[in-house]
Amino acid sequence: SLEVLGNGRFKVRGPLDAETVTELLERSEAAFRGASDLEIDLSGVPEGDSAGLALLIEWIRLARNQNQQLKFKNIPTQIAALARISQVDELLTGH
């Protein structure tokens, strides 16, 4: 689920996988609109797979298209490892 915390801050709860990412993407598109900057806390995500990584990359694309800064907090270990293997970890961390 996507919890709106206010001021462009969000918290994601539950797994990020092929079963959950489509709904999360649909909900997030409207929720992110109008915010100047975005901060997404992933501490409530117990696990994720390549679909979860794809969602994070899509959120980066959406933010860039809206001229928003996006910061991820507490990226799950599985998704961070997939990002490293895929050589996209710098996209997620902003380095």
Protein backbone atom coordinates (compact mmCIF):
# COMPACT_ATOMS: atom_id res chain seq x y z
CA SER A 1 0.00 0.00 0.00
CA LEU A 2 1.00 3.61 -0.47
CA GLU A 3 0.54 5.78 2.59
CA VAL A 4 0.48 9.55 2.05
CA LEU A 5 2.34 11.28 4.89
CA GLY A 6 2.02 14.82 3.51
CA ASN A 7 4.49 17.34 2.06
CA GLY A 8 5.55 14.94 -0.71
CA ARG A 9 6.39 12.17 1.77
CA PHE A 10 5.10 8.63 1.28
CA LYS A 11 5.52 5.25 2.94
CA VAL A 12 5.18 1.96 1.08
CA ARG A 13 4.00 -1.11 3.00
CA GLY A 14 4.00 -4.71 1.80
CA PRO A 15 5.99 -6.60 -0.81
CA LEU A 16 7.04 -4.97 -4.07
CA ASP A 17 6.51 -7.71 -6.61
CA ALA A 18 4.63 -8.55 -9.81
CA GLU A 19 1.37 -8.86 -7.88
CA THR A 20 1.53 -5.42 -6.23
CA VAL A 21 3.42 -2.98 -8.45
CA THR A 22 0.71 -2.26 -11.04
CA GLU A 23 -1.76 -1.03 -8.44
CA LEU A 24 0.97 0.93 -6.63
CA LEU A 25 1.98 2.64 -9.85
CA GLU A 26 -1.62 3.62 -10.61
CA ARG A 27 -2.14 5.02 -7.09
CA SER A 28 1.19 6.82 -7.04
CA GLU A 29 0.73 8.69 -10.33
CA ALA A 30 -2.11 10.75 -8.86
CA ALA A 31 -0.59 10.97 -5.37
CA PHE A 32 2.75 12.33 -6.62
CA ARG A 33 1.20 14.98 -8.85
CA GLY A 34 1.60 18.49 -7.54
CA ALA A 35 4.33 17.76 -4.97
CA SER A 36 7.54 19.75 -5.38
CA ASP A 37 9.80 16.99 -4.08
CA LEU A 38 9.16 13.35 -3.21
CA GLU A 39 10.49 11.18 -0.42
CA ILE A 40 9.49 7.52 -0.41
CA ASP A 41 10.15 5.45 2.69
CA LEU A 42 10.46 1.75 1.88
CA SER A 43 11.02 0.53 5.46
CA GLY A 44 7.60 -1.18 5.36
CA VAL A 45 8.63 -3.37 2.40
CA PRO A 46 9.64 -6.84 3.64
CA GLU A 47 10.68 -8.11 0.19
CA GLY A 48 10.90 -7.15 -3.44
CA ASP A 49 11.85 -8.55 -6.82
CA SER A 50 12.68 -7.25 -10.29
CA ALA A 51 9.14 -5.88 -10.66
CA GLY A 52 9.72 -3.86 -7.49
CA LEU A 53 12.98 -2.50 -8.90
CA ALA A 54 11.18 -1.62 -12.14
CA LEU A 55 8.58 0.31 -10.12
CA LEU A 56 11.27 2.36 -8.37
CA ILE A 57 12.86 3.17 -11.74
CA GLU A 58 9.45 4.16 -13.11
CA TRP A 59 8.92 6.46 -10.11
CA ILE A 60 12.27 8.10 -10.93
CA ARG A 61 11.10 8.63 -14.52
CA LEU A 62 7.76 10.09 -13.38
CA ALA A 63 9.51 12.46 -10.97
CA ARG A 64 11.93 13.65 -13.65
CA ASN A 65 9.04 14.29 -16.05
CA GLN A 66 7.40 16.47 -13.37
CA ASN A 67 10.71 18.20 -12.48
CA GLN A 68 10.58 16.71 -8.99
CA GLN A 69 13.46 15.58 -6.82
CA LEU A 70 12.96 12.01 -5.58
CA LYS A 71 14.65 10.39 -2.61
CA PHE A 72 14.23 6.78 -1.50
CA LYS A 73 14.73 5.89 2.15
CA ASN A 74 15.34 2.37 3.49
CA ILE A 75 15.63 0.53 0.17
CA PRO A 76 15.06 -3.19 0.85
CA THR A 77 18.15 -5.39 0.67
CA GLN A 78 16.75 -7.57 -2.14
CA ILE A 79 15.94 -4.58 -4.36
CA ALA A 80 19.29 -2.90 -3.59
CA ALA A 81 21.09 -6.12 -4.60
CA LEU A 82 19.11 -6.37 -7.85
CA ALA A 83 19.91 -2.73 -8.59
CA ARG A 84 23.62 -3.37 -8.02
CA ILE A 85 23.61 -6.45 -10.28
CA SER A 86 21.71 -4.48 -12.93
CA GLN A 87 24.10 -1.54 -12.54
CA VAL A 88 21.27 0.91 -11.76
CA ASP A 89 22.01 1.34 -8.04
CA GLU A 90 23.22 4.91 -8.63
CA LEU A 91 19.77 5.78 -9.99
CA LEU A 92 18.18 4.75 -6.67
CA THR A 93 20.70 6.41 -4.39
CA GLY A 94 21.26 9.57 -6.42
CA HIS A 95 25.05 9.12 -6.53
